[in-house]
Amino acid sequence: VACRTGDEDSGMTGISLLLLEKGMPGIRVRKMKTQFDSTHGTTFINLEDVKVPVRNLIGQEGLGFLYIVHNFNHERFVIASAASRA
């Protein structure tokens, strides 16, 4: 989960990535009914007062946005490569 760990003025350096486990107190997961396709696992996740241990921080605090953007570059390259081969 990407969440704000810095203050409101910290901008992109205030976003961190956390690993949440399904069984943590405060996490409720339920399957969503869809109109068309029931083969996919579309779910609704409700987070309420979830306490996340420090060990579940992914990478360094405040660098979550940079981790996400770095992955976007790879995805864009793969999509562009696939599109140009058609």
C-alpha atoms as a PDB file:
ATOM      1  CA  VAL A   1       0.000   0.000   0.000  1.00  0.00           C
ATOM      2  CA  ALA A   2       1.237   3.485  -0.816  1.00  0.00           C
ATOM      3  CA  CYS A   3       0.408   5.855   2.023  1.00  0.00           C
ATOM      4  CA  ARG A   4       1.385   9.276   3.299  1.00  0.00           C
ATOM      5  CA  THR A   5       3.930   9.081   6.101  1.00  0.00           C
ATOM      6  CA  GLY A   6       5.150  12.675   5.869  1.00  0.00           C
ATOM      7  CA  ASP A   7       3.279  15.888   6.529  1.00  0.00           C
ATOM      8  CA  GLU A   8       1.022  17.509   3.926  1.00  0.00           C
ATOM      9  CA  ASP A   9       3.811  19.786   2.692  1.00  0.00           C
ATOM     10  CA  SER A  10       6.295  16.954   2.090  1.00  0.00           C
ATOM     11  CA  GLY A  11       4.970  16.299  -1.426  1.00  0.00           C
ATOM     12  CA  MET A  12       6.278  13.200  -3.137  1.00  0.00           C
ATOM     13  CA  THR A  13       8.869  12.571  -0.408  1.00  0.00           C
ATOM     14  CA  GLY A  14       6.078  11.941   2.093  1.00  0.00           C
ATOM     15  CA  ILE A  15       4.832   8.723   0.450  1.00  0.00           C
ATOM     16  CA  SER A  16       5.955   5.314   1.718  1.00  0.00           C
ATOM     17  CA  LEU A  17       5.174   1.726   0.731  1.00  0.00           C
ATOM     18  CA  LEU A  18       3.872  -0.689   3.354  1.00  0.00           C
ATOM     19  CA  LEU A  19       3.294  -4.429   3.224  1.00  0.00           C
ATOM     20  CA  LEU A  20      -0.111  -5.255   4.700  1.00  0.00           C
ATOM     21  CA  GLU A  21      -1.061  -8.807   5.591  1.00  0.00           C
ATOM     22  CA  LYS A  22      -4.623  -9.989   5.090  1.00  0.00           C
ATOM     23  CA  GLY A  23      -4.999 -11.164   8.696  1.00  0.00           C
ATOM     24  CA  MET A  24      -3.974  -7.884  10.343  1.00  0.00           C
ATOM     25  CA  PRO A  25      -6.584  -6.376  12.672  1.00  0.00           C
ATOM     26  CA  GLY A  26      -8.519  -3.637  10.892  1.00  0.00           C
ATOM     27  CA  ILE A  27      -8.335  -5.181   7.404  1.00  0.00           C
ATOM     28  CA  ARG A  28     -11.550  -6.558   5.919  1.00  0.00           C
ATOM     29  CA  VAL A  29     -11.638  -8.181   2.490  1.00  0.00           C
ATOM     30  CA  ARG A  30     -14.770  -9.198   0.625  1.00  0.00           C
ATOM     31  CA  LYS A  31     -15.416 -10.361  -2.904  1.00  0.00           C
ATOM     32  CA  MET A  32     -17.232  -7.860  -5.101  1.00  0.00           C
ATOM     33  CA  LYS A  33     -20.031  -8.912  -7.381  1.00  0.00           C
ATOM     34  CA  THR A  34     -19.407  -7.895 -10.960  1.00  0.00           C
ATOM     35  CA  GLN A  35     -21.949  -7.669 -13.746  1.00  0.00           C
ATOM     36  CA  PHE A  36     -19.992  -9.412 -16.440  1.00  0.00           C
ATOM     37  CA  ASP A  37     -17.054 -11.562 -15.456  1.00  0.00           C
ATOM     38  CA  SER A  38     -16.987 -13.747 -12.357  1.00  0.00           C
ATOM     39  CA  THR A  39     -13.643 -15.422 -13.159  1.00  0.00           C
ATOM     40  CA  HIS A  40     -11.541 -12.562 -11.790  1.00  0.00           C
ATOM     41  CA  GLY A  41     -11.006 -12.021  -8.081  1.00  0.00           C
ATOM     42  CA  THR A  42     -12.360  -8.489  -7.818  1.00  0.00           C
ATOM     43  CA  THR A  43     -12.286  -7.592  -4.134  1.00  0.00           C
ATOM     44  CA  PHE A  44     -13.142  -4.684  -1.872  1.00  0.00           C
ATOM     45  CA  ILE A  45     -10.552  -3.962   0.819  1.00  0.00           C
ATOM     46  CA  ASN A  46     -11.538  -1.877   3.840  1.00  0.00           C
ATOM     47  CA  LEU A  47      -8.755  -0.483   6.071  1.00  0.00           C
ATOM     48  CA  GLU A  48      -9.728   0.865   9.466  1.00  0.00           C
ATOM     49  CA  ASP A  49      -7.184   1.777  12.170  1.00  0.00           C
ATOM     50  CA  VAL A  50      -4.647  -0.770  10.891  1.00  0.00           C
ATOM     51  CA  LYS A  51      -1.453  -0.891  12.956  1.00  0.00           C
ATOM     52  CA  VAL A  52       1.518  -1.695  10.715  1.00  0.00           C
ATOM     53  CA  PRO A  53       4.824  -2.826  12.248  1.00  0.00           C
ATOM     54  CA  VAL A  54       7.974  -0.951  11.194  1.00  0.00           C
ATOM     55  CA  ARG A  55       9.377  -4.185   9.701  1.00  0.00           C
ATOM     56  CA  ASN A  56       6.594  -4.015   7.043  1.00  0.00           C
ATOM     57  CA  LEU A  57       8.026  -0.817   5.541  1.00  0.00           C
ATOM     58  CA  ILE A  58       9.185  -1.527   1.973  1.00  0.00           C
ATOM     59  CA  GLY A  59      12.457   0.265   1.254  1.00  0.00           C
ATOM     60  CA  GLN A  60      13.095   3.582   2.969  1.00  0.00           C
ATOM     61  CA  GLU A  61      10.446   5.815   4.473  1.00  0.00           C
ATOM     62  CA  GLY A  62       9.463   8.652   2.158  1.00  0.00           C
ATOM     63  CA  LEU A  63      10.753   7.037  -1.049  1.00  0.00           C
ATOM     64  CA  GLY A  64       7.579   5.137  -2.013  1.00  0.00           C
ATOM     65  CA  PHE A  65       6.613   7.514  -4.807  1.00  0.00           C
ATOM     66  CA  LEU A  66      10.066   7.206  -6.376  1.00  0.00           C
ATOM     67  CA  TYR A  67       9.841   3.386  -6.232  1.00  0.00           C
ATOM     68  CA  ILE A  68       6.471   3.501  -8.009  1.00  0.00           C
ATOM     69  CA  VAL A  69       7.638   5.943 -10.699  1.00  0.00           C
ATOM     70  CA  HIS A  70      10.769   3.879 -11.326  1.00  0.00           C
ATOM     71  CA  ASN A  71       8.569   0.839 -12.068  1.00  0.00           C
ATOM     72  CA  PHE A  72       6.376   2.903 -14.427  1.00  0.00           C
ATOM     73  CA  ASN A  73       9.385   3.498 -16.685  1.00  0.00           C
ATOM     74  CA  HIS A  74       9.864  -0.257 -17.135  1.00  0.00           C
ATOM     75  CA  GLU A  75       6.149  -0.769 -17.832  1.00  0.00           C
ATOM     76  CA  ARG A  76       6.127   2.015 -20.433  1.00  0.00           C
ATOM     77  CA  PHE A  77       9.119   0.467 -22.191  1.00  0.00           C
ATOM     78  CA  VAL A  78       7.481  -2.977 -22.308  1.00  0.00           C
ATOM     79  CA  ILE A  79       4.205  -1.546 -23.632  1.00  0.00           C
ATOM     80  CA  ALA A  80       5.998   0.554 -26.259  1.00  0.00           C
ATOM     81  CA  SER A  81       8.050  -2.467 -27.373  1.00  0.00           C
ATOM     82  CA  ALA A  82       4.952  -4.634 -27.703  1.00  0.00           C
ATOM     83  CA  ALA A  83       3.045  -1.937 -29.576  1.00  0.00           C
ATOM     84  CA  SER A  84       5.836  -1.342 -32.087  1.00  0.00           C
ATOM     85  CA  ARG A  85       6.089  -5.056 -32.913  1.00  0.00           C
ATOM     86  CA  ALA A  86       2.474  -5.274 -34.100  1.00  0.00           C
END
